[in-house]
Amino acid sequence: MDLMQAFTAKYVKAEPPVANVGDTVRVHVKIKEGSRERVQVFEGTVIAKKHGGIDESITVRRVSYGVGVEKVFPLHAPSVEKIELVRKGKVRRAKLYFLRDRVGKGAKLKEKL
């Protein structure tokens, strides 16, 4: 087990991004197009958080042009540049999959003050 921890220690980010379930976040991702590289921003609500350590990932959901879009971002991936916290959400669940069935105001979460 110590061998695995030693191997993953060099890939784990020194300051892991803080993103909890219910938060609205802005994820900055590096996109490679041919020889060029650019940063694309994906803003949405964190509906799930999975695993821990180097395998930790978050699922971010947003509605774009009336279509629900979900993306899974590994937190320690080198392609994820940074995660900005837009607002904190007040939730009582670990997974917010019920938001998939809701539209408009029904899909809104209360803000944690």
PDB file of N, CA and C in Angstrom:
ATOM      1  N   MET A   1       0.826  -1.191   0.000  1.00  0.00           N
ATOM      2  CA  MET A   1       0.000   0.000   0.000  1.00  0.00           C
ATOM      3  C   MET A   1       0.872   1.258   0.000  1.00  0.00           C
ATOM      4  N   ASP A   2       2.002   1.207   0.665  1.00  0.00           N
ATOM      5  CA  ASP A   2       2.887   2.358   0.710  1.00  0.00           C
ATOM      6  C   ASP A   2       3.433   2.687  -0.670  1.00  0.00           C
ATOM      7  N   LEU A   3       3.597   1.670  -1.492  1.00  0.00           N
ATOM      8  CA  LEU A   3       4.082   1.871  -2.855  1.00  0.00           C
ATOM      9  C   LEU A   3       3.066   2.668  -3.667  1.00  0.00           C
ATOM     10  N   MET A   4       1.779   2.348  -3.512  1.00  0.00           N
ATOM     11  CA  MET A   4       0.724   3.079  -4.224  1.00  0.00           C
ATOM     12  C   MET A   4       0.653   4.529  -3.761  1.00  0.00           C
ATOM     13  N   GLN A   5       0.788   4.745  -2.469  1.00  0.00           N
ATOM     14  CA  GLN A   5       0.736   6.107  -1.941  1.00  0.00           C
ATOM     15  C   GLN A   5       1.920   6.929  -2.426  1.00  0.00           C
ATOM     16  N   ALA A   6       3.065   6.308  -2.513  1.00  0.00           N
ATOM     17  CA  ALA A   6       4.257   6.999  -3.000  1.00  0.00           C
ATOM     18  C   ALA A   6       4.119   7.346  -4.474  1.00  0.00           C
ATOM     19  N   PHE A   7       3.502   6.448  -5.241  1.00  0.00           N
ATOM     20  CA  PHE A   7       3.318   6.674  -6.681  1.00  0.00           C
ATOM     21  C   PHE A   7       2.317   7.800  -6.936  1.00  0.00           C
ATOM     22  N   THR A   8       1.203   7.798  -6.197  1.00  0.00           N
ATOM     23  CA  THR A   8       0.169   8.813  -6.423  1.00  0.00           C
ATOM     24  C   THR A   8       0.507  10.161  -5.812  1.00  0.00           C
ATOM     25  N   ALA A   9       1.414  10.201  -4.850  1.00  0.00           N
ATOM     26  CA  ALA A   9       1.738  11.456  -4.159  1.00  0.00           C
ATOM     27  C   ALA A   9       2.257  12.525  -5.109  1.00  0.00           C
ATOM     28  N   LYS A  10       2.987  12.132  -6.147  1.00  0.00           N
ATOM     29  CA  LYS A  10       3.533  13.147  -7.053  1.00  0.00           C
ATOM     30  C   LYS A  10       2.488  13.698  -8.028  1.00  0.00           C
ATOM     31  N   TYR A  11       1.340  13.003  -8.186  1.00  0.00           N
ATOM     32  CA  TYR A  11       0.289  13.457  -9.095  1.00  0.00           C
ATOM     33  C   TYR A  11      -0.835  14.204  -8.391  1.00  0.00           C
ATOM     34  N   VAL A  12      -0.912  14.080  -7.082  1.00  0.00           N
ATOM     35  CA  VAL A  12      -1.948  14.773  -6.326  1.00  0.00           C
ATOM     36  C   VAL A  12      -1.602  16.249  -6.260  1.00  0.00           C
ATOM     37  N   LYS A  13      -2.597  17.110  -6.510  1.00  0.00           N
ATOM     38  CA  LYS A  13      -2.377  18.548  -6.446  1.00  0.00           C
ATOM     39  C   LYS A  13      -2.110  18.959  -5.000  1.00  0.00           C
ATOM     40  N   ALA A  14      -1.199  19.905  -4.826  1.00  0.00           N
ATOM     41  CA  ALA A  14      -0.803  20.344  -3.488  1.00  0.00           C
ATOM     42  C   ALA A  14      -1.982  20.965  -2.745  1.00  0.00           C
ATOM     43  N   GLU A  15      -2.760  21.778  -3.450  1.00  0.00           N
ATOM     44  CA  GLU A  15      -3.929  22.423  -2.849  1.00  0.00           C
ATOM     45  C   GLU A  15      -5.172  21.944  -3.595  1.00  0.00           C
ATOM     46  N   PRO A  16      -5.844  20.903  -3.097  1.00  0.00           N
ATOM     47  CA  PRO A  16      -7.004  20.378  -3.820  1.00  0.00           C
ATOM     48  C   PRO A  16      -8.141  21.397  -3.863  1.00  0.00           C
ATOM     49  N   PRO A  17      -8.804  21.530  -5.009  1.00  0.00           N
ATOM     50  CA  PRO A  17      -9.895  22.496  -5.123  1.00  0.00           C
ATOM     51  C   PRO A  17     -11.066  22.119  -4.215  1.00  0.00           C
ATOM     52  N   VAL A  18     -11.684  23.116  -3.608  1.00  0.00           N
ATOM     53  CA  VAL A  18     -12.811  22.877  -2.713  1.00  0.00           C
ATOM     54  C   VAL A  18     -14.103  23.037  -3.502  1.00  0.00           C
ATOM     55  N   ALA A  19     -14.799  21.933  -3.697  1.00  0.00           N
ATOM     56  CA  ALA A  19     -16.092  21.953  -4.383  1.00  0.00           C
ATOM     57  C   ALA A  19     -16.979  20.921  -3.716  1.00  0.00           C
ATOM     58  N   ASN A  20     -17.994  21.379  -3.018  1.00  0.00           N
ATOM     59  CA  ASN A  20     -18.906  20.478  -2.332  1.00  0.00           C
ATOM     60  C   ASN A  20     -20.190  20.325  -3.129  1.00  0.00           C
ATOM     61  N   VAL A  21     -20.949  19.290  -2.811  1.00  0.00           N
ATOM     62  CA  VAL A  21     -22.215  19.033  -3.497  1.00  0.00           C
ATOM     63  C   VAL A  21     -23.162  20.192  -3.219  1.00  0.00           C
ATOM     64  N   GLY A  22     -23.815  20.691  -4.265  1.00  0.00           N
ATOM     65  CA  GLY A  22     -24.742  21.811  -4.152  1.00  0.00           C
ATOM     66  C   GLY A  22     -24.133  23.143  -4.529  1.00  0.00           C
ATOM     67  N   ASP A  23     -22.817  23.218  -4.567  1.00  0.00           N
ATOM     68  CA  ASP A  23     -22.149  24.471  -4.927  1.00  0.00           C
ATOM     69  C   ASP A  23     -22.247  24.730  -6.424  1.00  0.00           C
ATOM     70  N   THR A  24     -22.320  25.994  -6.784  1.00  0.00           N
ATOM     71  CA  THR A  24     -22.216  26.386  -8.188  1.00  0.00           C
ATOM     72  C   THR A  24     -20.763  26.756  -8.421  1.00  0.00           C
ATOM     73  N   VAL A  25     -20.139  26.086  -9.384  1.00  0.00           N
ATOM     74  CA  VAL A  25     -18.712  26.278  -9.626  1.00  0.00           C
ATOM     75  C   VAL A  25     -18.451  26.621 -11.082  1.00  0.00           C
ATOM     76  N   ARG A  26     -17.274  27.205 -11.305  1.00  0.00           N
ATOM     77  CA  ARG A  26     -16.796  27.517 -12.642  1.00  0.00           C
ATOM     78  C   ARG A  26     -15.505  26.729 -12.822  1.00  0.00           C
ATOM     79  N   VAL A  27     -15.519  25.711 -13.697  1.00  0.00           N
ATOM     80  CA  VAL A  27     -14.361  24.839 -13.893  1.00  0.00           C
ATOM     81  C   VAL A  27     -13.605  25.292 -15.136  1.00  0.00           C
ATOM     82  N   HIS A  28     -12.319  25.584 -14.984  1.00  0.00           N
ATOM     83  CA  HIS A  28     -11.465  26.003 -16.089  1.00  0.00           C
ATOM     84  C   HIS A  28     -10.687  24.775 -16.567  1.00  0.00           C
ATOM     85  N   VAL A  29     -10.924  24.374 -17.819  1.00  0.00           N
ATOM     86  CA  VAL A  29     -10.322  23.154 -18.363  1.00  0.00           C
ATOM     87  C   VAL A  29      -9.464  23.497 -19.571  1.00  0.00           C
ATOM     88  N   LYS A  30      -8.261  22.904 -19.633  1.00  0.00           N
ATOM     89  CA  LYS A  30      -7.387  23.101 -20.791  1.00  0.00           C
ATOM     90  C   LYS A  30      -7.856  22.193 -21.915  1.00  0.00           C
ATOM     91  N   ILE A  31      -8.073  22.782 -23.102  1.00  0.00           N
ATOM     92  CA  ILE A  31      -8.508  22.040 -24.282  1.00  0.00           C
ATOM     93  C   ILE A  31      -7.404  22.135 -25.322  1.00  0.00           C
ATOM     94  N   LYS A  32      -6.998  20.995 -25.867  1.00  0.00           N
ATOM     95  CA  LYS A  32      -5.952  20.975 -26.878  1.00  0.00           C
ATOM     96  C   LYS A  32      -6.589  20.798 -28.251  1.00  0.00           C
ATOM     97  N   GLU A  33      -6.340  21.741 -29.145  1.00  0.00           N
ATOM     98  CA  GLU A  33      -6.848  21.691 -30.521  1.00  0.00           C
ATOM     99  C   GLU A  33      -5.658  21.787 -31.457  1.00  0.00           C
ATOM    100  N   GLY A  34      -5.225  20.638 -31.941  1.00  0.00           N
ATOM    101  CA  GLY A  34      -4.039  20.623 -32.796  1.00  0.00           C
ATOM    102  C   GLY A  34      -2.818  21.024 -32.008  1.00  0.00           C
ATOM    103  N   SER A  35      -2.160  22.092 -32.455  1.00  0.00           N
ATOM    104  CA  SER A  35      -0.967  22.562 -31.748  1.00  0.00           C
ATOM    105  C   SER A  35      -1.309  23.653 -30.729  1.00  0.00           C
ATOM    106  N   ARG A  36      -2.548  24.162 -30.807  1.00  0.00           N
ATOM    107  CA  ARG A  36      -2.954  25.241 -29.897  1.00  0.00           C
ATOM    108  C   ARG A  36      -3.586  24.677 -28.622  1.00  0.00           C
ATOM    109  N   GLU A  37      -3.498  25.455 -27.576  1.00  0.00           N
ATOM    110  CA  GLU A  37      -4.106  25.092 -26.310  1.00  0.00           C
ATOM    111  C   GLU A  37      -4.867  26.285 -25.766  1.00  0.00           C
ATOM    112  N   ARG A  38      -6.101  26.047 -25.317  1.00  0.00           N
ATOM    113  CA  ARG A  38      -6.900  27.141 -24.772  1.00  0.00           C
ATOM    114  C   ARG A  38      -7.610  26.665 -23.510  1.00  0.00           C
ATOM    115  N   VAL A  39      -8.174  27.605 -22.781  1.00  0.00           N
ATOM    116  CA  VAL A  39      -8.897  27.290 -21.548  1.00  0.00           C
ATOM    117  C   VAL A  39     -10.380  27.510 -21.787  1.00  0.00           C
ATOM    118  N   GLN A  40     -11.174  26.464 -21.493  1.00  0.00           N
ATOM    119  CA  GLN A  40     -12.625  26.540 -21.648  1.00  0.00           C
ATOM    120  C   GLN A  40     -13.250  26.508 -20.254  1.00  0.00           C
ATOM    121  N   VAL A  41     -14.289  27.324 -20.054  1.00  0.00           N
ATOM    122  CA  VAL A  41     -14.934  27.425 -18.753  1.00  0.00           C
ATOM    123  C   VAL A  41     -16.283  26.718 -18.806  1.00  0.00           C
ATOM    124  N   PHE A  42     -16.550  25.889 -17.794  1.00  0.00           N
ATOM    125  CA  PHE A  42     -17.828  25.183 -17.678  1.00  0.00           C
ATOM    126  C   PHE A  42     -18.407  25.530 -16.316  1.00  0.00           C
ATOM    127  N   GLU A  43     -19.555  26.209 -16.320  1.00  0.00           N
ATOM    128  CA  GLU A  43     -20.180  26.630 -15.065  1.00  0.00           C
ATOM    129  C   GLU A  43     -21.451  25.847 -14.822  1.00  0.00           C
ATOM    130  N   GLY A  44     -21.608  25.351 -13.603  1.00  0.00           N
ATOM    131  CA  GLY A  44     -22.797  24.590 -13.264  1.00  0.00           C
ATOM    132  C   GLY A  44     -22.815  24.200 -11.798  1.00  0.00           C
ATOM    133  N   THR A  45     -23.792  23.371 -11.448  1.00  0.00           N
ATOM    134  CA  THR A  45     -23.985  22.919 -10.077  1.00  0.00           C
ATOM    135  C   THR A  45     -23.336  21.561  -9.875  1.00  0.00           C
ATOM    136  N   VAL A  46     -22.616  21.395  -8.790  1.00  0.00           N
ATOM    137  CA  VAL A  46     -22.013  20.101  -8.458  1.00  0.00           C
ATOM    138  C   VAL A  46     -23.129  19.208  -7.937  1.00  0.00           C
ATOM    139  N   ILE A  47     -23.426  18.106  -8.674  1.00  0.00           N
ATOM    140  CA  ILE A  47     -24.509  17.219  -8.245  1.00  0.00           C
ATOM    141  C   ILE A  47     -23.982  15.937  -7.609  1.00  0.00           C
ATOM    142  N   ALA A  48     -22.684  15.645  -7.765  1.00  0.00           N
ATOM    143  CA  ALA A  48     -22.124  14.439  -7.154  1.00  0.00           C
ATOM    144  C   ALA A  48     -20.632  14.604  -6.940  1.00  0.00           C
ATOM    145  N   LYS A  49     -20.157  13.927  -5.911  1.00  0.00           N
ATOM    146  CA  LYS A  49     -18.736  13.888  -5.605  1.00  0.00           C
ATOM    147  C   LYS A  49     -18.408  12.426  -5.352  1.00  0.00           C
ATOM    148  N   LYS A  50     -17.383  11.906  -6.030  1.00  0.00           N
ATOM    149  CA  LYS A  50     -17.095  10.479  -5.907  1.00  0.00           C
ATOM    150  C   LYS A  50     -15.658  10.220  -5.510  1.00  0.00           C
ATOM    151  N   HIS A  51     -15.463   9.100  -4.829  1.00  0.00           N
ATOM    152  CA  HIS A  51     -14.164   8.553  -4.456  1.00  0.00           C
ATOM    153  C   HIS A  51     -13.401   9.489  -3.521  1.00  0.00           C
ATOM    154  N   GLY A  52     -12.098   9.388  -3.532  1.00  0.00           N
ATOM    155  CA  GLY A  52     -11.257  10.210  -2.671  1.00  0.00           C
ATOM    156  C   GLY A  52      -9.824  10.076  -3.131  1.00  0.00           C
ATOM    157  N   GLY A  53      -8.962  10.902  -2.624  1.00  0.00           N
ATOM    158  CA  GLY A  53      -7.565  10.850  -3.011  1.00  0.00           C
ATOM    159  C   GLY A  53      -7.363  11.275  -4.449  1.00  0.00           C
ATOM    160  N   ILE A  54      -6.546  10.533  -5.161  1.00  0.00           N
ATOM    161  CA  ILE A  54      -6.233  10.902  -6.546  1.00  0.00           C
ATOM    162  C   ILE A  54      -7.391  10.594  -7.498  1.00  0.00           C
ATOM    163  N   ASP A  55      -8.276   9.700  -7.115  1.00  0.00           N
ATOM    164  CA  ASP A  55      -9.416   9.317  -7.960  1.00  0.00           C
ATOM    165  C   ASP A  55     -10.617  10.238  -7.794  1.00  0.00           C
ATOM    166  N   GLU A  56     -10.521  11.234  -6.954  1.00  0.00           N
ATOM    167  CA  GLU A  56     -11.666  12.082  -6.641  1.00  0.00           C
ATOM    168  C   GLU A  56     -12.162  12.831  -7.876  1.00  0.00           C
ATOM    169  N   SER A  57     -13.487  12.822  -8.059  1.00  0.00           N
ATOM    170  CA  SER A  57     -14.076  13.509  -9.205  1.00  0.00           C
ATOM    171  C   SER A  57     -15.404  14.140  -8.809  1.00  0.00           C
ATOM    172  N   ILE A  58     -15.795  15.166  -9.561  1.00  0.00           N
ATOM    173  CA  ILE A  58     -17.086  15.817  -9.341  1.00  0.00           C
ATOM    174  C   ILE A  58     -17.873  15.794 -10.641  1.00  0.00           C
ATOM    175  N   THR A  59     -19.197  15.722 -10.513  1.00  0.00           N
ATOM    176  CA  THR A  59     -20.080  15.802 -11.665  1.00  0.00           C
ATOM    177  C   THR A  59     -20.759  17.161 -11.617  1.00  0.00           C
ATOM    178  N   VAL A  60     -20.606  17.928 -12.688  1.00  0.00           N
ATOM    179  CA  VAL A  60     -21.164  19.282 -12.756  1.00  0.00           C
ATOM    180  C   VAL A  60     -22.259  19.293 -13.809  1.00  0.00           C
ATOM    181  N   ARG A  61     -23.412  19.869 -13.447  1.00  0.00           N
ATOM    182  CA  ARG A  61     -24.567  19.897 -14.350  1.00  0.00           C
ATOM    183  C   ARG A  61     -24.999  21.331 -14.618  1.00  0.00           C
ATOM    184  N   ARG A  62     -25.347  21.576 -15.870  1.00  0.00           N
ATOM    185  CA  ARG A  62     -25.939  22.864 -16.226  1.00  0.00           C
ATOM    186  C   ARG A  62     -26.919  22.647 -17.364  1.00  0.00           C
ATOM    187  N   VAL A  63     -27.835  23.577 -17.536  1.00  0.00           N
ATOM    188  CA  VAL A  63     -28.804  23.505 -18.626  1.00  0.00           C
ATOM    189  C   VAL A  63     -28.368  24.506 -19.677  1.00  0.00           C
ATOM    190  N   SER A  64     -28.072  23.997 -20.876  1.00  0.00           N
ATOM    191  CA  SER A  64     -27.592  24.830 -21.965  1.00  0.00           C
ATOM    192  C   SER A  64     -28.566  24.732 -23.139  1.00  0.00           C
ATOM    193  N   TYR A  65     -29.198  25.853 -23.482  1.00  0.00           N
ATOM    194  CA  TYR A  65     -30.188  25.913 -24.570  1.00  0.00           C
ATOM    195  C   TYR A  65     -31.290  24.877 -24.378  1.00  0.00           C
ATOM    196  N   GLY A  66     -31.749  24.714 -23.131  1.00  0.00           N
ATOM    197  CA  GLY A  66     -32.854  23.810 -22.838  1.00  0.00           C
ATOM    198  C   GLY A  66     -32.456  22.346 -22.720  1.00  0.00           C
ATOM    199  N   VAL A  67     -31.185  22.042 -22.863  1.00  0.00           N
ATOM    200  CA  VAL A  67     -30.705  20.661 -22.774  1.00  0.00           C
ATOM    201  C   VAL A  67     -29.784  20.548 -21.561  1.00  0.00           C
ATOM    202  N   GLY A  68     -30.029  19.558 -20.720  1.00  0.00           N
ATOM    203  CA  GLY A  68     -29.181  19.338 -19.555  1.00  0.00           C
ATOM    204  C   GLY A  68     -27.847  18.728 -19.963  1.00  0.00           C
ATOM    205  N   VAL A  69     -26.758  19.313 -19.501  1.00  0.00           N
ATOM    206  CA  VAL A  69     -25.415  18.828 -19.832  1.00  0.00           C
ATOM    207  C   VAL A  69     -24.679  18.522 -18.535  1.00  0.00           C
ATOM    208  N   GLU A  70     -24.136  17.315 -18.440  1.00  0.00           N
ATOM    209  CA  GLU A  70     -23.359  16.928 -17.268  1.00  0.00           C
ATOM    210  C   GLU A  70     -21.965  16.529 -17.693  1.00  0.00           C
ATOM    211  N   LYS A  71     -20.978  16.984 -16.942  1.00  0.00           N
ATOM    212  CA  LYS A  71     -19.590  16.621 -17.215  1.00  0.00           C
ATOM    213  C   LYS A  71     -18.953  16.144 -15.913  1.00  0.00           C
ATOM    214  N   VAL A  72     -18.101  15.134 -16.027  1.00  0.00           N
ATOM    215  CA  VAL A  72     -17.374  14.614 -14.874  1.00  0.00           C
ATOM    216  C   VAL A  72     -15.940  15.120 -14.958  1.00  0.00           C
ATOM    217  N   PHE A  73     -15.485  15.773 -13.903  1.00  0.00           N
ATOM    218  CA  PHE A  73     -14.136  16.319 -13.873  1.00  0.00           C
ATOM    219  C   PHE A  73     -13.328  15.643 -12.771  1.00  0.00           C
ATOM    220  N   PRO A  74     -12.219  14.975 -13.122  1.00  0.00           N
ATOM    221  CA  PRO A  74     -11.310  14.477 -12.079  1.00  0.00           C
ATOM    222  C   PRO A  74     -10.584  15.672 -11.461  1.00  0.00           C
ATOM    223  N   LEU A  75     -10.625  15.799 -10.145  1.00  0.00           N
ATOM    224  CA  LEU A  75     -10.087  16.986  -9.485  1.00  0.00           C
ATOM    225  C   LEU A  75      -8.576  17.122  -9.620  1.00  0.00           C
ATOM    226  N   HIS A  76      -7.861  16.003  -9.682  1.00  0.00           N
ATOM    227  CA  HIS A  76      -6.402  16.062  -9.717  1.00  0.00           C
ATOM    228  C   HIS A  76      -5.835  15.926 -11.133  1.00  0.00           C
ATOM    229  N   ALA A  77      -6.691  15.999 -12.150  1.00  0.00           N
ATOM    230  CA  ALA A  77      -6.220  15.896 -13.534  1.00  0.00           C
ATOM    231  C   ALA A  77      -5.458  17.163 -13.907  1.00  0.00           C
ATOM    232  N   PRO A  78      -4.380  17.014 -14.689  1.00  0.00           N
ATOM    233  CA  PRO A  78      -3.631  18.203 -15.109  1.00  0.00           C
ATOM    234  C   PRO A  78      -4.427  19.100 -16.061  1.00  0.00           C
ATOM    235  N   SER A  79      -5.461  18.560 -16.705  1.00  0.00           N
ATOM    236  CA  SER A  79      -6.267  19.354 -17.626  1.00  0.00           C
ATOM    237  C   SER A  79      -7.194  20.322 -16.884  1.00  0.00           C
ATOM    238  N   VAL A  80      -7.529  20.021 -15.640  1.00  0.00           N
ATOM    239  CA  VAL A  80      -8.355  20.926 -14.838  1.00  0.00           C
ATOM    240  C   VAL A  80      -7.429  21.974 -14.228  1.00  0.00           C
ATOM    241  N   GLU A  81      -7.539  23.201 -14.760  1.00  0.00           N
ATOM    242  CA  GLU A  81      -6.641  24.273 -14.331  1.00  0.00           C
ATOM    243  C   GLU A  81      -7.023  24.804 -12.955  1.00  0.00           C
ATOM    244  N   LYS A  82      -8.299  25.206 -12.809  1.00  0.00           N
ATOM    245  CA  LYS A  82      -8.763  25.677 -11.507  1.00  0.00           C
ATOM    246  C   LYS A  82     -10.273  25.563 -11.417  1.00  0.00           C
ATOM    247  N   ILE A  83     -10.753  25.553 -10.183  1.00  0.00           N
ATOM    248  CA  ILE A  83     -12.193  25.498  -9.927  1.00  0.00           C
ATOM    249  C   ILE A  83     -12.546  26.697  -9.053  1.00  0.00           C
ATOM    250  N   GLU A  84     -13.387  27.573  -9.619  1.00  0.00           N
ATOM    251  CA  GLU A  84     -13.825  28.785  -8.917  1.00  0.00           C
ATOM    252  C   GLU A  84     -15.161  28.526  -8.251  1.00  0.00           C
ATOM    253  N   LEU A  85     -15.329  28.962  -7.040  1.00  0.00           N
ATOM    254  CA  LEU A  85     -16.589  28.834  -6.338  1.00  0.00           C
ATOM    255  C   LEU A  85     -17.430  30.074  -6.616  1.00  0.00           C
ATOM    256  N   VAL A  86     -18.608  29.889  -7.230  1.00  0.00           N
ATOM    257  CA  VAL A  86     -19.491  31.013  -7.545  1.00  0.00           C
ATOM    258  C   VAL A  86     -20.433  31.268  -6.371  1.00  0.00           C
ATOM    259  N   ARG A  87     -21.123  30.198  -5.915  1.00  0.00           N
ATOM    260  CA  ARG A  87     -21.994  30.317  -4.736  1.00  0.00           C
ATOM    261  C   ARG A  87     -22.110  28.974  -4.037  1.00  0.00           C
ATOM    262  N   LYS A  88     -22.333  29.021  -2.734  1.00  0.00           N
ATOM    263  CA  LYS A  88     -22.488  27.802  -1.938  1.00  0.00           C
ATOM    264  C   LYS A  88     -23.964  27.445  -1.877  1.00  0.00           C
ATOM    265  N   GLY A  89     -24.265  26.166  -2.032  1.00  0.00           N
ATOM    266  CA  GLY A  89     -25.645  25.705  -1.975  1.00  0.00           C
ATOM    267  C   GLY A  89     -25.937  24.967  -0.685  1.00  0.00           C
ATOM    268  N   LYS A  90     -27.171  25.097  -0.218  1.00  0.00           N
ATOM    269  CA  LYS A  90     -27.595  24.406   1.006  1.00  0.00           C
ATOM    270  C   LYS A  90     -28.347  23.148   0.588  1.00  0.00           C
ATOM    271  N   VAL A  91     -27.766  21.987   0.857  1.00  0.00           N
ATOM    272  CA  VAL A  91     -28.382  20.716   0.462  1.00  0.00           C
ATOM    273  C   VAL A  91     -28.358  19.734   1.621  1.00  0.00           C
ATOM    274  N   ARG A  92     -29.218  18.713   1.528  1.00  0.00           N
ATOM    275  CA  ARG A  92     -29.297  17.694   2.569  1.00  0.00           C
ATOM    276  C   ARG A  92     -29.049  16.299   1.990  1.00  0.00           C
ATOM    277  N   ARG A  93     -28.473  16.240   0.818  1.00  0.00           N
ATOM    278  CA  ARG A  93     -28.211  14.972   0.141  1.00  0.00           C
ATOM    279  C   ARG A  93     -26.764  14.941  -0.328  1.00  0.00           C
ATOM    280  N   ALA A  94     -26.229  13.734  -0.488  1.00  0.00           N
ATOM    281  CA  ALA A  94     -24.862  13.574  -0.992  1.00  0.00           C
ATOM    282  C   ALA A  94     -24.854  13.588  -2.511  1.00  0.00           C
ATOM    283  N   LYS A  95     -25.935  13.112  -3.121  1.00  0.00           N
ATOM    284  CA  LYS A  95     -26.067  13.089  -4.583  1.00  0.00           C
ATOM    285  C   LYS A  95     -27.356  13.811  -4.953  1.00  0.00           C
ATOM    286  N   LEU A  96     -27.267  14.727  -5.902  1.00  0.00           N
ATOM    287  CA  LEU A  96     -28.431  15.542  -6.286  1.00  0.00           C
ATOM    288  C   LEU A  96     -28.987  15.119  -7.640  1.00  0.00           C
ATOM    289  N   TYR A  97     -29.109  13.809  -7.847  1.00  0.00           N
ATOM    290  CA  TYR A  97     -29.591  13.307  -9.131  1.00  0.00           C
ATOM    291  C   TYR A  97     -31.054  13.682  -9.389  1.00  0.00           C
ATOM    292  N   PHE A  98     -31.797  14.041  -8.337  1.00  0.00           N
ATOM    293  CA  PHE A  98     -33.196  14.430  -8.511  1.00  0.00           C
ATOM    294  C   PHE A  98     -33.334  15.718  -9.321  1.00  0.00           C
ATOM    295  N   LEU A  99     -32.256  16.504  -9.450  1.00  0.00           N
ATOM    296  CA  LEU A  99     -32.304  17.745 -10.232  1.00  0.00           C
ATOM    297  C   LEU A  99     -32.478  17.474 -11.715  1.00  0.00           C
ATOM    298  N   ARG A 100     -32.160  16.255 -12.154  1.00  0.00           N
ATOM    299  CA  ARG A 100     -32.303  15.908 -13.570  1.00  0.00           C
ATOM    300  C   ARG A 100     -33.762  15.950 -14.014  1.00  0.00           C
ATOM    301  N   ASP A 101     -34.670  15.650 -13.100  1.00  0.00           N
ATOM    302  CA  ASP A 101     -36.097  15.614 -13.431  1.00  0.00           C
ATOM    303  C   ASP A 101     -36.778  16.959 -13.272  1.00  0.00           C
ATOM    304  N   ARG A 102     -36.082  17.929 -12.758  1.00  0.00           N
ATOM    305  CA  ARG A 102     -36.695  19.230 -12.477  1.00  0.00           C
ATOM    306  C   ARG A 102     -36.277  20.276 -13.493  1.00  0.00           C
ATOM    307  N   VAL A 103     -37.193  21.235 -13.724  1.00  0.00           N
ATOM    308  CA  VAL A 103     -36.928  22.307 -14.687  1.00  0.00           C
ATOM    309  C   VAL A 103     -37.237  23.654 -14.036  1.00  0.00           C
ATOM    310  N   GLY A 104     -36.575  24.696 -14.512  1.00  0.00           N
ATOM    311  CA  GLY A 104     -36.862  26.057 -14.060  1.00  0.00           C
ATOM    312  C   GLY A 104     -36.575  26.283 -12.593  1.00  0.00           C
ATOM    313  N   LYS A 105     -37.542  26.902 -11.902  1.00  0.00           N
ATOM    314  CA  LYS A 105     -37.348  27.242 -10.491  1.00  0.00           C
ATOM    315  C   LYS A 105     -37.276  26.007  -9.603  1.00  0.00           C
ATOM    316  N   GLY A 106     -37.845  24.915 -10.044  1.00  0.00           N
ATOM    317  CA  GLY A 106     -37.811  23.679  -9.263  1.00  0.00           C
ATOM    318  C   GLY A 106     -36.417  23.111  -9.141  1.00  0.00           C
ATOM    319  N   ALA A 107     -35.524  23.494 -10.054  1.00  0.00           N
ATOM    320  CA  ALA A 107     -34.158  22.991 -10.045  1.00  0.00           C
ATOM    321  C   ALA A 107     -33.206  23.912  -9.286  1.00  0.00           C
ATOM    322  N   LYS A 108     -33.745  24.979  -8.672  1.00  0.00           N
ATOM    323  CA  LYS A 108     -32.906  25.910  -7.932  1.00  0.00           C
ATOM    324  C   LYS A 108     -32.617  25.373  -6.542  1.00  0.00           C
ATOM    325  N   LEU A 109     -31.450  25.696  -6.026  1.00  0.00           N
ATOM    326  CA  LEU A 109     -31.052  25.323  -4.671  1.00  0.00           C
ATOM    327  C   LEU A 109     -30.936  26.582  -3.826  1.00  0.00           C
ATOM    328  N   LYS A 110     -31.233  26.446  -2.532  1.00  0.00           N
ATOM    329  CA  LYS A 110     -31.078  27.584  -1.638  1.00  0.00           C
ATOM    330  C   LYS A 110     -29.616  27.863  -1.412  1.00  0.00           C
ATOM    331  N   GLU A 111     -29.302  29.115  -1.143  1.00  0.00           N
ATOM    332  CA  GLU A 111     -27.922  29.507  -0.925  1.00  0.00           C
ATOM    333  C   GLU A 111     -27.582  29.427   0.565  1.00  0.00           C
ATOM    334  N   LYS A 112     -26.396  28.897   0.850  1.00  0.00           N
ATOM    335  CA  LYS A 112     -25.921  28.805   2.229  1.00  0.00           C
ATOM    336  C   LYS A 112     -25.279  30.138   2.595  1.00  0.00           C
ATOM    337  N   LEU A 113     -25.738  30.717   3.673  1.00  0.00           N
ATOM    338  CA  LEU A 113     -25.222  32.025   4.079  1.00  0.00           C
ATOM    339  C   LEU A 113     -24.188  31.927   5.154  1.00  0.00           C
TER     340      LEU A 113
END
